[in-house]
Amino acid sequence: MRTAITDMLGIERPIIQGGMMWVGRAELAAAVSNAGGLGIVTALTQPTPEDLAKEIRRCRDMTDRPFGVNLTLLPTIKPVPYDEYALAAIEGGVRIIETAGRNPEPFLPLFREHDVKVIHKCTSVRHALKAESIGCDAVSVDGFECAGHPGEDDITNLVLLPAAAAKLKIPMIASGGIGTGGQLAAALMLGAAAVNMGTRFVATREAPVHDNVKQAMVDADERQTTLIFRSLRNTARVFRNAVACEVVDIESRPGDTDFADLQPLVAGVRGREQVLEKGDIDGGIWTAGQVIGLINDIPSCAQLLDRMVMEAEGLIRDWSEKLGSPAGVERPLRACAE
């Protein structure tokens, strides 16, 4: 399944694993890359740039195929050595970087010097156009359905993707709410050249999270997420559990929300230790997208990608035939490549 993104990144299938905090480790990234997609190691999951270098080496021991590194640029109380993390990725031979959060422009000269392809994650058309204008190679456009931070515009992918595709000249990756082959086919039709999946890859055998978390996603439906930090204009979509409901309740009280009242509930360490590692579903906050309503099993990454590509190709072929143009089966994919 060849598109502009598969050509750019040197991968076989237009499916990218999202750079997820605590989850984007070597074993998952390698499994996705070995299945023909693009695995992503999350830089800030590693405590130091030196640890990132070790994780990259560990990933390289498990795959000889391309994989990337996610570098999320956020304002923090304690300064983060972003430059050192970027150098660790480059020195480790990584030539694909997914950036998110703040404007990555200060890092682009370094990335250009080392022939690194830069994919910037955006939640709006205006941000995608800005990323294009500063020289990013591609953008990952995140719809309102996504896990984590969807921005404040609340635009779903059915509108956001074609709106972005109509204005962008660089390749676009559809991100947020995606987990099936039918959605892969739909994303291509809406102008994307690949899809990015986070939540769906959490519910795979290779994902380094507790089995209770994976099973909770299988058992859930599309209503089992909620939005927190709305009152702070820093909206995040998370799994609807007891802690998330408590956060929403505090935010709904009259007057301004004091983050200090939320901090003990939403601490990242609490979510990692209690939920992802120990398997206590109500032990803390953990991000999940609305795609959990489409997750019915826990396959290997290879099985998931095989299934998605087979389904997408079958749907494209079937609809081309129904529309009376069998010769046009490859047109949507060829258009993406062009």
C-alpha atoms as a PDB file:
ATOM      1  CA  MET A   1       0.000   0.000   0.000  1.00  0.00           C
ATOM      2  CA  ARG A   2       2.118   2.854  -1.346  1.00  0.00           C
ATOM      3  CA  THR A   3       1.528   6.522  -0.513  1.00  0.00           C
ATOM      4  CA  ALA A   4       3.538   9.716  -0.207  1.00  0.00           C
ATOM      5  CA  ILE A   5       4.227   8.862   3.438  1.00  0.00           C
ATOM      6  CA  THR A   6       5.413   5.300   2.799  1.00  0.00           C
ATOM      7  CA  ASP A   7       7.763   6.649   0.126  1.00  0.00           C
ATOM      8  CA  MET A   8       9.041   9.441   2.377  1.00  0.00           C
ATOM      9  CA  LEU A   9       9.648   7.251   5.426  1.00  0.00           C
ATOM     10  CA  GLY A  10      10.729   4.037   3.710  1.00  0.00           C
ATOM     11  CA  ILE A  11       7.940   1.915   5.189  1.00  0.00           C
ATOM     12  CA  GLU A  12       5.614  -0.626   3.594  1.00  0.00           C
ATOM     13  CA  ARG A  13       2.283   0.313   5.131  1.00  0.00           C
ATOM     14  CA  PRO A  14       0.813   3.769   5.830  1.00  0.00           C
ATOM     15  CA  ILE A  15       0.275   3.087   9.529  1.00  0.00           C
ATOM     16  CA  ILE A  16       2.209   4.922  12.244  1.00  0.00           C
ATOM     17  CA  GLN A  17       2.293   4.228  15.961  1.00  0.00           C
ATOM     18  CA  GLY A  18       1.663   7.314  18.064  1.00  0.00           C
ATOM     19  CA  GLY A  19       4.393   8.557  20.379  1.00  0.00           C
ATOM     20  CA  MET A  20       2.728   7.750  23.693  1.00  0.00           C
ATOM     21  CA  MET A  21       4.178   8.655  27.072  1.00  0.00           C
ATOM     22  CA  TRP A  22       5.193   5.517  29.034  1.00  0.00           C
ATOM     23  CA  VAL A  23       3.970   3.255  26.196  1.00  0.00           C
ATOM     24  CA  GLY A  24       6.230   4.201  23.281  1.00  0.00           C
ATOM     25  CA  ARG A  25       9.068   1.870  24.230  1.00  0.00           C
ATOM     26  CA  ALA A  26      11.367  -0.251  22.115  1.00  0.00           C
ATOM     27  CA  GLU A  27       9.330  -3.462  22.157  1.00  0.00           C
ATOM     28  CA  LEU A  28       6.201  -1.787  20.777  1.00  0.00           C
ATOM     29  CA  ALA A  29       8.033   0.419  18.277  1.00  0.00           C
ATOM     30  CA  ALA A  30      10.016  -2.538  16.927  1.00  0.00           C
ATOM     31  CA  ALA A  31       6.890  -4.676  16.588  1.00  0.00           C
ATOM     32  CA  VAL A  32       5.097  -1.998  14.563  1.00  0.00           C
ATOM     33  CA  SER A  33       8.111  -1.434  12.326  1.00  0.00           C
ATOM     34  CA  ASN A  34       8.607  -5.161  11.811  1.00  0.00           C
ATOM     35  CA  ALA A  35       4.960  -5.342  10.721  1.00  0.00           C
ATOM     36  CA  GLY A  36       5.644  -2.805   7.978  1.00  0.00           C
ATOM     37  CA  GLY A  37       4.459   0.352   9.716  1.00  0.00           C
ATOM     38  CA  LEU A  38       6.433   3.009  11.564  1.00  0.00           C
ATOM     39  CA  GLY A  39       7.125   2.453  15.255  1.00  0.00           C
ATOM     40  CA  ILE A  40       7.825   5.424  17.495  1.00  0.00           C
ATOM     41  CA  VAL A  41      10.000   5.545  20.623  1.00  0.00           C
ATOM     42  CA  THR A  42       8.841   8.316  22.975  1.00  0.00           C
ATOM     43  CA  ALA A  43      11.834  10.393  24.033  1.00  0.00           C
ATOM     44  CA  LEU A  44      10.507  11.791  27.308  1.00  0.00           C
ATOM     45  CA  THR A  45       9.451   8.368  28.566  1.00  0.00           C
ATOM     46  CA  GLN A  46      13.167   7.956  29.159  1.00  0.00           C
ATOM     47  CA  PRO A  47      14.471   9.831  32.243  1.00  0.00           C
ATOM     48  CA  THR A  48      17.559  11.217  30.505  1.00  0.00           C
ATOM     49  CA  PRO A  49      18.979  11.640  26.981  1.00  0.00           C
ATOM     50  CA  GLU A  50      21.437   8.853  27.827  1.00  0.00           C
ATOM     51  CA  ASP A  51      18.534   6.552  28.595  1.00  0.00           C
ATOM     52  CA  LEU A  52      16.957   7.472  25.263  1.00  0.00           C
ATOM     53  CA  ALA A  53      20.192   6.499  23.512  1.00  0.00           C
ATOM     54  CA  LYS A  54      20.040   3.096  25.232  1.00  0.00           C
ATOM     55  CA  GLU A  55      16.372   2.648  24.259  1.00  0.00           C
ATOM     56  CA  ILE A  56      17.170   3.445  20.632  1.00  0.00           C
ATOM     57  CA  ARG A  57      19.929   0.832  20.661  1.00  0.00           C
ATOM     58  CA  ARG A  58      17.515  -1.652  22.231  1.00  0.00           C
ATOM     59  CA  CYS A  59      14.967  -0.947  19.488  1.00  0.00           C
ATOM     60  CA  ARG A  60      17.617  -1.322  16.804  1.00  0.00           C
ATOM     61  CA  ASP A  61      18.485  -4.738  18.220  1.00  0.00           C
ATOM     62  CA  MET A  62      14.865  -5.776  17.609  1.00  0.00           C
ATOM     63  CA  THR A  63      14.302  -4.356  14.126  1.00  0.00           C
ATOM     64  CA  ASP A  64      16.320  -3.437  11.058  1.00  0.00           C
ATOM     65  CA  ARG A  65      13.461  -1.345   9.682  1.00  0.00           C
ATOM     66  CA  PRO A  66      12.861   2.402  10.043  1.00  0.00           C
ATOM     67  CA  PHE A  67      11.466   3.730  13.324  1.00  0.00           C
ATOM     68  CA  GLY A  68      11.107   7.220  14.699  1.00  0.00           C
ATOM     69  CA  VAL A  69      11.362   9.178  17.919  1.00  0.00           C
ATOM     70  CA  ASN A  70       8.656  11.413  19.382  1.00  0.00           C
ATOM     71  CA  LEU A  71       9.847  14.667  20.947  1.00  0.00           C
ATOM     72  CA  THR A  72       7.024  16.528  22.679  1.00  0.00           C
ATOM     73  CA  LEU A  73       7.946  20.139  23.425  1.00  0.00           C
ATOM     74  CA  LEU A  74       6.005  21.462  26.404  1.00  0.00           C
ATOM     75  CA  PRO A  75       6.496  24.196  28.990  1.00  0.00           C
ATOM     76  CA  THR A  76       7.659  22.581  32.232  1.00  0.00           C
ATOM     77  CA  ILE A  77       8.495  23.709  35.753  1.00  0.00           C
ATOM     78  CA  LYS A  78      11.777  21.830  35.597  1.00  0.00           C
ATOM     79  CA  PRO A  79      13.757  22.561  32.392  1.00  0.00           C
ATOM     80  CA  VAL A  80      13.969  19.625  29.985  1.00  0.00           C
ATOM     81  CA  PRO A  81      17.166  19.228  27.900  1.00  0.00           C
ATOM     82  CA  TYR A  82      15.308  18.974  24.599  1.00  0.00           C
ATOM     83  CA  ASP A  83      18.464  19.675  22.592  1.00  0.00           C
ATOM     84  CA  GLU A  84      20.201  16.734  24.228  1.00  0.00           C
ATOM     85  CA  TYR A  85      17.257  14.418  23.573  1.00  0.00           C
ATOM     86  CA  ALA A  86      17.252  15.495  19.921  1.00  0.00           C
ATOM     87  CA  LEU A  87      20.988  14.843  19.643  1.00  0.00           C
ATOM     88  CA  ALA A  88      20.598  11.425  21.271  1.00  0.00           C
ATOM     89  CA  ALA A  89      18.068  10.485  18.592  1.00  0.00           C
ATOM     90  CA  ILE A  90      20.257  11.772  15.767  1.00  0.00           C
ATOM     91  CA  GLU A  91      23.409  10.125  17.099  1.00  0.00           C
ATOM     92  CA  GLY A  92      21.431   6.900  17.415  1.00  0.00           C
ATOM     93  CA  GLY A  93      20.802   6.976  13.682  1.00  0.00           C
ATOM     94  CA  VAL A  94      17.123   7.966  13.873  1.00  0.00           C
ATOM     95  CA  ARG A  95      16.083   9.904  10.789  1.00  0.00           C
ATOM     96  CA  ILE A  96      12.386  10.370  11.531  1.00  0.00           C
ATOM     97  CA  ILE A  97      11.273  12.692  14.328  1.00  0.00           C
ATOM     98  CA  GLU A  98       7.676  13.316  15.375  1.00  0.00           C
ATOM     99  CA  THR A  99       7.349  16.640  17.174  1.00  0.00           C
ATOM    100  CA  ALA A 100       4.356  17.839  19.176  1.00  0.00           C
ATOM    101  CA  GLY A 101       3.429  20.663  21.491  1.00  0.00           C
ATOM    102  CA  ARG A 102       5.382  23.865  20.882  1.00  0.00           C
ATOM    103  CA  ASN A 103       6.651  25.127  17.539  1.00  0.00           C
ATOM    104  CA  PRO A 104       9.604  22.899  16.478  1.00  0.00           C
ATOM    105  CA  GLU A 105      11.215  25.602  14.307  1.00  0.00           C
ATOM    106  CA  PRO A 106      14.273  26.088  16.566  1.00  0.00           C
ATOM    107  CA  PHE A 107      15.184  22.416  16.029  1.00  0.00           C
ATOM    108  CA  LEU A 108      14.757  22.333  12.263  1.00  0.00           C
ATOM    109  CA  PRO A 109      18.296  23.479  11.322  1.00  0.00           C
ATOM    110  CA  LEU A 110      19.727  20.607  13.373  1.00  0.00           C
ATOM    111  CA  PHE A 111      17.308  18.132  11.825  1.00  0.00           C
ATOM    112  CA  ARG A 112      18.000  19.421   8.303  1.00  0.00           C
ATOM    113  CA  GLU A 113      21.742  19.093   8.860  1.00  0.00           C
ATOM    114  CA  HIS A 114      21.285  15.385   9.530  1.00  0.00           C
ATOM    115  CA  ASP A 115      18.620  14.701   6.879  1.00  0.00           C
ATOM    116  CA  VAL A 116      15.911  14.032   9.465  1.00  0.00           C
ATOM    117  CA  LYS A 117      12.295  13.921   8.295  1.00  0.00           C
ATOM    118  CA  VAL A 118      10.081  15.945  10.634  1.00  0.00           C
ATOM    119  CA  ILE A 119       6.414  15.178  11.252  1.00  0.00           C
ATOM    120  CA  HIS A 120       4.651  17.749  13.428  1.00  0.00           C
ATOM    121  CA  LYS A 121       1.438  16.863  15.233  1.00  0.00           C
ATOM    122  CA  CYS A 122      -1.296  19.509  14.925  1.00  0.00           C
ATOM    123  CA  THR A 123      -4.893  19.864  16.130  1.00  0.00           C
ATOM    124  CA  SER A 124      -6.052  22.516  13.659  1.00  0.00           C
ATOM    125  CA  VAL A 125      -5.709  23.565  10.038  1.00  0.00           C
ATOM    126  CA  ARG A 126      -3.967  26.813  11.014  1.00  0.00           C
ATOM    127  CA  HIS A 127      -1.333  24.955  13.016  1.00  0.00           C
ATOM    128  CA  ALA A 128      -0.807  22.488  10.161  1.00  0.00           C
ATOM    129  CA  LEU A 129      -0.242  25.369   7.736  1.00  0.00           C
ATOM    130  CA  LYS A 130       2.224  26.946  10.152  1.00  0.00           C
ATOM    131  CA  ALA A 131       4.150  23.655  10.356  1.00  0.00           C
ATOM    132  CA  GLU A 132       4.245  23.517   6.568  1.00  0.00           C
ATOM    133  CA  SER A 133       5.475  27.126   6.345  1.00  0.00           C
ATOM    134  CA  ILE A 134       8.461  26.548   8.653  1.00  0.00           C
ATOM    135  CA  GLY A 135       9.612  23.494   6.692  1.00  0.00           C
ATOM    136  CA  CYS A 136       8.162  20.383   8.322  1.00  0.00           C
ATOM    137  CA  ASP A 137       8.066  17.426   5.935  1.00  0.00           C
ATOM    138  CA  ALA A 138       4.608  16.219   6.957  1.00  0.00           C
ATOM    139  CA  VAL A 139       1.914  16.911   9.519  1.00  0.00           C
ATOM    140  CA  SER A 140      -0.121  14.585  11.688  1.00  0.00           C
ATOM    141  CA  VAL A 141      -3.578  16.121  12.044  1.00  0.00           C
ATOM    142  CA  ASP A 142      -5.242  15.162  15.320  1.00  0.00           C
ATOM    143  CA  GLY A 143      -9.037  15.199  15.466  1.00  0.00           C
ATOM    144  CA  PHE A 144     -11.268  15.729  18.504  1.00  0.00           C
ATOM    145  CA  GLU A 145     -11.709  11.956  18.907  1.00  0.00           C
ATOM    146  CA  CYS A 146      -8.092  11.476  19.909  1.00  0.00           C
ATOM    147  CA  ALA A 147      -6.607  10.483  23.250  1.00  0.00           C
ATOM    148  CA  GLY A 148      -4.616  13.114  25.080  1.00  0.00           C
ATOM    149  CA  HIS A 149      -4.808  16.747  24.023  1.00  0.00           C
ATOM    150  CA  PRO A 150      -7.188  17.469  21.101  1.00  0.00           C
ATOM    151  CA  GLY A 151      -6.825  21.252  21.282  1.00  0.00           C
ATOM    152  CA  GLU A 152      -9.712  23.598  21.985  1.00  0.00           C
ATOM    153  CA  ASP A 153     -11.498  23.752  18.605  1.00  0.00           C
ATOM    154  CA  ASP A 154     -13.450  20.478  19.028  1.00  0.00           C
ATOM    155  CA  ILE A 155     -13.356  19.596  15.313  1.00  0.00           C
ATOM    156  CA  THR A 156     -13.735  15.913  14.461  1.00  0.00           C
ATOM    157  CA  ASN A 157     -11.719  14.246  11.722  1.00  0.00           C
ATOM    158  CA  LEU A 158     -14.621  13.941   9.299  1.00  0.00           C
ATOM    159  CA  VAL A 159     -14.367  17.715   8.853  1.00  0.00           C
ATOM    160  CA  LEU A 160     -10.796  18.434   9.987  1.00  0.00           C
ATOM    161  CA  LEU A 161      -9.049  16.074   7.553  1.00  0.00           C
ATOM    162  CA  PRO A 162     -10.597  17.328   4.300  1.00  0.00           C
ATOM    163  CA  ALA A 163     -10.320  20.926   5.546  1.00  0.00           C
ATOM    164  CA  ALA A 164      -6.580  20.460   6.085  1.00  0.00           C
ATOM    165  CA  ALA A 165      -6.073  18.461   2.882  1.00  0.00           C
ATOM    166  CA  ALA A 166      -7.641  21.259   0.835  1.00  0.00           C
ATOM    167  CA  LYS A 167      -4.941  23.712   1.953  1.00  0.00           C
ATOM    168  CA  LEU A 168      -1.807  21.667   2.606  1.00  0.00           C
ATOM    169  CA  LYS A 169       0.892  20.908   0.051  1.00  0.00           C
ATOM    170  CA  ILE A 170       2.899  18.515   2.261  1.00  0.00           C
ATOM    171  CA  PRO A 171       1.627  15.022   3.105  1.00  0.00           C
ATOM    172  CA  MET A 172      -0.916  14.708   5.904  1.00  0.00           C
ATOM    173  CA  ILE A 173      -1.329  11.872   8.400  1.00  0.00           C
ATOM    174  CA  ALA A 174      -4.765  11.267   9.931  1.00  0.00           C
ATOM    175  CA  SER A 175      -4.629  10.903  13.696  1.00  0.00           C
ATOM    176  CA  GLY A 176      -7.291  10.396  16.348  1.00  0.00           C
ATOM    177  CA  GLY A 177     -10.055   7.820  16.660  1.00  0.00           C
ATOM    178  CA  ILE A 178      -8.577   5.381  14.125  1.00  0.00           C
ATOM    179  CA  GLY A 179      -8.243   1.641  14.605  1.00  0.00           C
ATOM    180  CA  THR A 180      -9.762  -0.260  11.672  1.00  0.00           C
ATOM    181  CA  GLY A 181      -9.079  -0.902   8.015  1.00  0.00           C
ATOM    182  CA  GLY A 182     -12.285   0.855   7.066  1.00  0.00           C
ATOM    183  CA  GLN A 183     -11.046   3.980   8.786  1.00  0.00           C
ATOM    184  CA  LEU A 184      -7.684   3.664   7.022  1.00  0.00           C
ATOM    185  CA  ALA A 185      -9.511   3.572   3.675  1.00  0.00           C
ATOM    186  CA  ALA A 186     -11.686   6.517   4.704  1.00  0.00           C
ATOM    187  CA  ALA A 187      -8.666   8.559   5.792  1.00  0.00           C
ATOM    188  CA  LEU A 188      -7.025   8.005   2.407  1.00  0.00           C
ATOM    189  CA  MET A 189     -10.220   9.128   0.690  1.00  0.00           C
ATOM    190  CA  LEU A 190     -10.292  12.260   2.840  1.00  0.00           C
ATOM    191  CA  GLY A 191      -6.818  13.257   1.715  1.00  0.00           C
ATOM    192  CA  ALA A 192      -4.480  11.615   4.214  1.00  0.00           C
ATOM    193  CA  ALA A 193      -1.418   9.640   3.129  1.00  0.00           C
ATOM    194  CA  ALA A 194      -1.260   7.529   6.318  1.00  0.00           C
ATOM    195  CA  VAL A 195      -2.888   7.076   9.701  1.00  0.00           C
ATOM    196  CA  ASN A 196      -1.435   7.503  13.175  1.00  0.00           C
ATOM    197  CA  MET A 197      -2.800   5.311  15.974  1.00  0.00           C
ATOM    198  CA  GLY A 198      -2.119   5.488  19.689  1.00  0.00           C
ATOM    199  CA  THR A 199      -4.982   3.970  21.649  1.00  0.00           C
ATOM    200  CA  ARG A 200      -5.373   1.034  19.253  1.00  0.00           C
ATOM    201  CA  PHE A 201      -1.731   0.061  19.686  1.00  0.00           C
ATOM    202  CA  VAL A 202      -2.100   0.037  23.475  1.00  0.00           C
ATOM    203  CA  ALA A 203      -4.443  -2.922  23.064  1.00  0.00           C
ATOM    204  CA  THR A 204      -1.848  -5.126  21.354  1.00  0.00           C
ATOM    205  CA  ARG A 205       0.227  -7.964  22.732  1.00  0.00           C
ATOM    206  CA  GLU A 206       3.495  -6.065  22.493  1.00  0.00           C
ATOM    207  CA  ALA A 207       2.342  -2.898  24.263  1.00  0.00           C
ATOM    208  CA  PRO A 208       4.229  -2.607  27.587  1.00  0.00           C
ATOM    209  CA  VAL A 209       1.154  -2.030  29.761  1.00  0.00           C
ATOM    210  CA  HIS A 210      -0.755  -4.235  32.200  1.00  0.00           C
ATOM    211  CA  ASP A 211      -3.222  -6.727  30.695  1.00  0.00           C
ATOM    212  CA  ASN A 212      -6.017  -5.211  32.813  1.00  0.00           C
ATOM    213  CA  VAL A 213      -5.689  -1.988  30.848  1.00  0.00           C
ATOM    214  CA  LYS A 214      -5.903  -3.790  27.525  1.00  0.00           C
ATOM    215  CA  GLN A 215      -8.955  -5.784  28.633  1.00  0.00           C
ATOM    216  CA  ALA A 216     -10.663  -2.638  29.931  1.00  0.00           C
ATOM    217  CA  MET A 217     -10.346  -1.175  26.451  1.00  0.00           C
ATOM    218  CA  VAL A 218     -11.863  -4.281  24.886  1.00  0.00           C
ATOM    219  CA  ASP A 219     -14.759  -4.175  27.366  1.00  0.00           C
ATOM    220  CA  ALA A 220     -15.413  -0.442  26.917  1.00  0.00           C
ATOM    221  CA  ASP A 221     -17.606   1.263  24.348  1.00  0.00           C
ATOM    222  CA  GLU A 222     -17.192   4.581  22.556  1.00  0.00           C
ATOM    223  CA  ARG A 223     -18.713   6.490  25.504  1.00  0.00           C
ATOM    224  CA  GLN A 224     -16.039   5.360  27.961  1.00  0.00           C
ATOM    225  CA  THR A 225     -13.850   8.459  27.654  1.00  0.00           C
ATOM    226  CA  THR A 226     -14.234  11.897  29.169  1.00  0.00           C
ATOM    227  CA  LEU A 227     -12.679  15.331  28.839  1.00  0.00           C
ATOM    228  CA  ILE A 228     -10.705  16.868  31.679  1.00  0.00           C
ATOM    229  CA  PHE A 229      -8.960  20.242  32.060  1.00  0.00           C
ATOM    230  CA  ARG A 230     -11.699  21.932  30.014  1.00  0.00           C
ATOM    231  CA  SER A 231     -11.931  24.687  32.614  1.00  0.00           C
ATOM    232  CA  LEU A 232      -8.180  25.281  32.255  1.00  0.00           C
ATOM    233  CA  ARG A 233      -8.311  25.385  28.441  1.00  0.00           C
ATOM    234  CA  ASN A 234      -5.896  22.482  28.299  1.00  0.00           C
ATOM    235  CA  THR A 235      -8.411  19.811  27.342  1.00  0.00           C
ATOM    236  CA  ALA A 236      -7.375  16.165  27.565  1.00  0.00           C
ATOM    237  CA  ARG A 237      -9.341  13.044  26.658  1.00  0.00           C
ATOM    238  CA  VAL A 238      -8.896  10.209  29.151  1.00  0.00           C
ATOM    239  CA  PHE A 239     -10.488   6.900  30.067  1.00  0.00           C
ATOM    240  CA  ARG A 240     -13.659   7.483  32.089  1.00  0.00           C
ATOM    241  CA  ASN A 241     -12.831   5.956  35.470  1.00  0.00           C
ATOM    242  CA  ALA A 242     -13.412   6.977  39.094  1.00  0.00           C
ATOM    243  CA  VAL A 243     -10.489   9.400  39.177  1.00  0.00           C
ATOM    244  CA  ALA A 244     -11.461  11.093  35.897  1.00  0.00           C
ATOM    245  CA  CYS A 245     -15.030  11.541  37.138  1.00  0.00           C
ATOM    246  CA  GLU A 246     -13.700  13.136  40.323  1.00  0.00           C
ATOM    247  CA  VAL A 247     -11.632  15.571  38.251  1.00  0.00           C
ATOM    248  CA  VAL A 248     -14.672  16.491  36.142  1.00  0.00           C
ATOM    249  CA  ASP A 249     -16.710  17.019  39.320  1.00  0.00           C
ATOM    250  CA  ILE A 250     -14.114  19.410  40.763  1.00  0.00           C
ATOM    251  CA  GLU A 251     -13.977  21.346  37.502  1.00  0.00           C
ATOM    252  CA  SER A 252     -17.763  21.697  37.427  1.00  0.00           C
ATOM    253  CA  ARG A 253     -17.897  23.575  40.723  1.00  0.00           C
ATOM    254  CA  PRO A 254     -18.655  27.331  40.625  1.00  0.00           C
ATOM    255  CA  GLY A 255     -15.683  29.641  40.237  1.00  0.00           C
ATOM    256  CA  ASP A 256     -12.249  29.173  38.733  1.00  0.00           C
ATOM    257  CA  THR A 257     -10.564  25.778  38.984  1.00  0.00           C
ATOM    258  CA  ASP A 258      -7.406  25.676  41.049  1.00  0.00           C
ATOM    259  CA  PHE A 259      -5.023  23.151  39.480  1.00  0.00           C
ATOM    260  CA  ALA A 260      -3.658  22.423  42.949  1.00  0.00           C
ATOM    261  CA  ASP A 261      -6.982  20.686  43.684  1.00  0.00           C
ATOM    262  CA  LEU A 262      -6.476  18.410  40.675  1.00  0.00           C
ATOM    263  CA  GLN A 263      -2.765  17.760  40.851  1.00  0.00           C
ATOM    264  CA  PRO A 264      -2.803  14.787  43.277  1.00  0.00           C
ATOM    265  CA  LEU A 265      -5.416  13.085  41.087  1.00  0.00           C
ATOM    266  CA  VAL A 266      -3.784  13.631  37.702  1.00  0.00           C
ATOM    267  CA  ALA A 267      -0.102  13.112  38.527  1.00  0.00           C
ATOM    268  CA  GLY A 268       1.570  11.256  35.674  1.00  0.00           C
ATOM    269  CA  VAL A 269       3.566   9.056  38.024  1.00  0.00           C
ATOM    270  CA  ARG A 270       0.346   7.891  39.669  1.00  0.00           C
ATOM    271  CA  GLY A 271      -1.169   6.908  36.336  1.00  0.00           C
ATOM    272  CA  ARG A 272       1.976   5.108  35.227  1.00  0.00           C
ATOM    273  CA  GLU A 273       2.554   3.166  38.432  1.00  0.00           C
ATOM    274  CA  GLN A 274      -0.990   2.358  39.482  1.00  0.00           C
ATOM    275  CA  VAL A 275      -2.659   1.896  36.100  1.00  0.00           C
ATOM    276  CA  LEU A 276      -0.144   0.985  33.408  1.00  0.00           C
ATOM    277  CA  GLU A 277       2.186  -1.055  35.615  1.00  0.00           C
ATOM    278  CA  LYS A 278      -0.037  -2.469  38.389  1.00  0.00           C
ATOM    279  CA  GLY A 279      -3.271  -2.707  36.411  1.00  0.00           C
ATOM    280  CA  ASP A 280      -5.560  -0.767  38.769  1.00  0.00           C
ATOM    281  CA  ILE A 281      -7.980   0.714  36.236  1.00  0.00           C
ATOM    282  CA  ASP A 282      -9.221   3.293  38.760  1.00  0.00           C
ATOM    283  CA  GLY A 283      -5.774   3.989  40.171  1.00  0.00           C
ATOM    284  CA  GLY A 284      -5.115   7.175  38.209  1.00  0.00           C
ATOM    285  CA  ILE A 285      -5.619   9.076  34.982  1.00  0.00           C
ATOM    286  CA  TRP A 286      -4.796   7.358  31.688  1.00  0.00           C
ATOM    287  CA  THR A 287      -5.405   8.632  28.195  1.00  0.00           C
ATOM    288  CA  ALA A 288      -7.678   6.832  25.756  1.00  0.00           C
ATOM    289  CA  GLY A 289      -9.450   7.885  22.581  1.00  0.00           C
ATOM    290  CA  GLN A 290     -12.991   7.232  21.437  1.00  0.00           C
ATOM    291  CA  VAL A 291     -11.663   4.428  19.235  1.00  0.00           C
ATOM    292  CA  ILE A 292     -11.938   2.166  22.293  1.00  0.00           C
ATOM    293  CA  GLY A 293     -15.486   1.587  21.068  1.00  0.00           C
ATOM    294  CA  LEU A 294     -14.009  -0.217  18.054  1.00  0.00           C
ATOM    295  CA  ILE A 295     -11.496  -2.366  19.946  1.00  0.00           C
ATOM    296  CA  ASN A 296     -12.711  -5.947  20.295  1.00  0.00           C
ATOM    297  CA  ASP A 297      -9.499  -7.938  20.692  1.00  0.00           C
ATOM    298  CA  ILE A 298      -5.816  -7.816  21.626  1.00  0.00           C
ATOM    299  CA  PRO A 299      -3.877  -8.898  18.529  1.00  0.00           C
ATOM    300  CA  SER A 300      -0.168  -8.747  17.817  1.00  0.00           C
ATOM    301  CA  CYS A 301       0.942  -5.670  15.902  1.00  0.00           C
ATOM    302  CA  ALA A 302       1.559  -7.838  12.843  1.00  0.00           C
ATOM    303  CA  GLN A 303      -1.962  -9.259  12.988  1.00  0.00           C
ATOM    304  CA  LEU A 304      -3.461  -5.797  13.421  1.00  0.00           C
ATOM    305  CA  LEU A 305      -1.622  -4.274  10.469  1.00  0.00           C
ATOM    306  CA  ASP A 306      -2.299  -7.297   8.241  1.00  0.00           C
ATOM    307  CA  ARG A 307      -5.990  -7.061   9.042  1.00  0.00           C
ATOM    308  CA  MET A 308      -6.231  -3.314   8.542  1.00  0.00           C
ATOM    309  CA  VAL A 309      -4.466  -3.286   5.191  1.00  0.00           C
ATOM    310  CA  MET A 310      -6.467  -6.261   3.897  1.00  0.00           C
ATOM    311  CA  GLU A 311      -9.732  -4.618   4.951  1.00  0.00           C
ATOM    312  CA  ALA A 312      -8.787  -1.229   3.486  1.00  0.00           C
ATOM    313  CA  GLU A 313      -7.682  -2.669   0.153  1.00  0.00           C
ATOM    314  CA  GLY A 314     -10.803  -4.821  -0.037  1.00  0.00           C
ATOM    315  CA  LEU A 315     -13.098  -1.863   0.613  1.00  0.00           C
ATOM    316  CA  ILE A 316     -11.364   0.336  -1.957  1.00  0.00           C
ATOM    317  CA  ARG A 317     -11.571  -2.437  -4.529  1.00  0.00           C
ATOM    318  CA  ASP A 318     -15.202  -3.251  -3.775  1.00  0.00           C
ATOM    319  CA  TRP A 319     -16.348   0.353  -3.988  1.00  0.00           C
ATOM    320  CA  SER A 320     -14.458   0.951  -7.202  1.00  0.00           C
ATOM    321  CA  GLU A 321     -16.238  -2.025  -8.714  1.00  0.00           C
ATOM    322  CA  LYS A 322     -19.631  -0.882  -7.378  1.00  0.00           C
ATOM    323  CA  LEU A 323     -19.052   2.511  -8.942  1.00  0.00           C
ATOM    324  CA  GLY A 324     -18.304   0.830 -12.272  1.00  0.00           C
ATOM    325  CA  SER A 325     -14.614   1.675 -12.453  1.00  0.00           C
ATOM    326  CA  PRO A 326     -12.503  -1.417 -11.691  1.00  0.00           C
ATOM    327  CA  ALA A 327      -9.526   0.280 -13.302  1.00  0.00           C
ATOM    328  CA  GLY A 328      -9.730   3.019 -10.686  1.00  0.00           C
ATOM    329  CA  VAL A 329      -8.947   0.784  -7.730  1.00  0.00           C
ATOM    330  CA  GLU A 330      -5.457   2.207  -7.333  1.00  0.00           C
ATOM    331  CA  ARG A 331      -6.448   5.802  -7.977  1.00  0.00           C
ATOM    332  CA  PRO A 332      -6.929   6.877  -4.341  1.00  0.00           C
ATOM    333  CA  LEU A 333      -3.584   5.388  -3.311  1.00  0.00           C
ATOM    334  CA  ARG A 334      -1.787   6.771  -6.350  1.00  0.00           C
ATOM    335  CA  ALA A 335      -3.244  10.212  -5.679  1.00  0.00           C
ATOM    336  CA  CYS A 336      -1.797  10.087  -2.162  1.00  0.00           C
ATOM    337  CA  ALA A 337       1.618   9.149  -3.527  1.00  0.00           C
ATOM    338  CA  GLU A 338       1.506  12.048  -5.952  1.00  0.00           C
END
